[in-house]
N, C-alpha and C. Protein backbone atom coordinates (compact mmCIF):
# COMPACT_ATOMS: atom_id res chain seq x y z
N LEU A 1 2.78 -53.92 -77.65
CA LEU A 1 1.75 -53.09 -77.02
C LEU A 1 1.21 -51.89 -77.84
N THR A 2 0.08 -51.97 -78.15
CA THR A 2 -0.44 -50.94 -78.97
C THR A 2 -1.71 -50.24 -78.17
N ARG A 3 -1.52 -48.92 -78.05
CA ARG A 3 -2.61 -48.24 -77.34
C ARG A 3 -3.02 -47.08 -78.31
N ALA A 4 -4.26 -46.67 -78.04
CA ALA A 4 -4.82 -45.53 -79.08
C ALA A 4 -4.15 -44.13 -78.70
N ASN A 5 -3.78 -43.86 -77.51
CA ASN A 5 -3.29 -42.37 -77.18
C ASN A 5 -1.68 -42.24 -77.07
N ASP A 6 -1.00 -43.31 -76.86
CA ASP A 6 0.44 -43.31 -76.69
C ASP A 6 1.03 -44.54 -77.30
N ASN A 7 2.48 -44.60 -77.21
CA ASN A 7 3.16 -45.69 -77.60
C ASN A 7 4.26 -45.98 -76.49
N PRO A 8 3.86 -46.58 -75.52
CA PRO A 8 4.91 -46.85 -74.41
C PRO A 8 6.03 -47.85 -74.92
N ARG A 9 7.18 -47.60 -74.31
CA ARG A 9 8.32 -48.43 -74.77
C ARG A 9 9.23 -48.75 -73.48
N GLY A 10 9.72 -49.87 -73.46
CA GLY A 10 10.78 -50.13 -72.47
C GLY A 10 11.09 -51.62 -72.58
N ARG A 11 11.81 -52.04 -71.53
CA ARG A 11 12.43 -53.46 -71.47
C ARG A 11 11.77 -54.19 -70.20
N PHE A 12 11.80 -55.34 -70.22
CA PHE A 12 11.46 -56.20 -69.09
C PHE A 12 12.14 -57.44 -69.08
N THR A 13 12.32 -57.99 -67.78
CA THR A 13 12.88 -59.33 -67.51
C THR A 13 11.95 -59.97 -66.59
N LEU A 14 11.59 -61.29 -66.97
CA LEU A 14 10.97 -62.12 -66.06
C LEU A 14 11.68 -63.39 -65.58
N LEU A 15 11.58 -63.64 -64.42
CA LEU A 15 12.35 -64.92 -63.91
C LEU A 15 11.29 -65.79 -63.55
N LEU A 16 11.31 -67.14 -64.06
CA LEU A 16 10.33 -68.17 -63.94
C LEU A 16 10.85 -69.18 -63.18
N ARG A 17 10.06 -70.03 -62.34
CA ARG A 17 10.46 -71.07 -61.66
C ARG A 17 9.39 -72.29 -61.83
N ARG A 18 9.93 -73.37 -62.20
CA ARG A 18 8.85 -74.38 -62.35
C ARG A 18 8.61 -74.99 -61.01
N THR A 19 7.20 -75.17 -60.64
CA THR A 19 6.80 -75.72 -59.41
C THR A 19 6.06 -76.84 -59.73
N ALA A 20 5.57 -77.55 -58.59
CA ALA A 20 4.51 -78.80 -58.99
C ALA A 20 3.31 -78.22 -59.55
N GLN A 21 2.93 -76.89 -59.31
CA GLN A 21 1.58 -76.52 -60.03
C GLN A 21 2.03 -75.97 -61.43
N GLY A 22 3.16 -75.88 -61.98
CA GLY A 22 3.46 -75.28 -63.18
C GLY A 22 4.41 -74.27 -63.13
N TRP A 23 4.74 -73.48 -64.23
CA TRP A 23 5.65 -72.39 -64.22
C TRP A 23 5.06 -71.27 -63.54
N ARG A 24 5.91 -70.44 -62.71
CA ARG A 24 5.37 -69.32 -62.05
C ARG A 24 6.45 -68.08 -62.42
N ILE A 25 5.84 -66.83 -62.34
CA ILE A 25 6.90 -65.78 -62.46
C ILE A 25 7.13 -65.38 -61.00
N VAL A 26 8.44 -65.51 -60.56
CA VAL A 26 8.89 -65.19 -59.24
C VAL A 26 9.54 -63.76 -59.19
N HIS A 27 9.87 -63.25 -60.28
CA HIS A 27 10.33 -61.82 -60.30
C HIS A 27 10.16 -61.18 -61.50
N ASP A 28 9.77 -59.90 -61.49
CA ASP A 28 9.51 -59.05 -62.70
C ASP A 28 10.35 -57.76 -62.65
N HIS A 29 11.04 -57.42 -63.47
CA HIS A 29 11.73 -56.11 -63.53
C HIS A 29 11.26 -55.46 -64.74
N THR A 30 10.80 -54.24 -64.68
CA THR A 30 10.29 -53.49 -65.83
C THR A 30 10.95 -52.19 -65.72
N SER A 31 11.36 -51.60 -66.83
CA SER A 31 11.91 -50.18 -66.89
C SER A 31 11.42 -49.58 -68.28
N SER A 32 11.02 -48.27 -68.20
CA SER A 32 10.55 -47.55 -69.32
C SER A 32 11.78 -47.04 -70.09
N ALA A 33 11.58 -46.81 -71.43
CA ALA A 33 12.68 -46.20 -72.22
C ALA A 33 12.39 -44.82 -72.26
N SER A 34 13.57 -43.89 -72.44
CA SER A 34 13.38 -42.59 -72.58
C SER A 34 12.71 -42.13 -73.86
N SER A 35 11.85 -41.09 -73.83
CA SER A 35 11.15 -40.67 -74.91
C SER A 35 12.03 -39.94 -75.94
């Protein structure tokens, strides 16, 4: 991720499940890193 005014950092985890319609994100956990 690149932005003009800052440089956010962090970690994320996505849990995906395959359904009849295709892959779907069923859970998102995102945390920011300390500056």
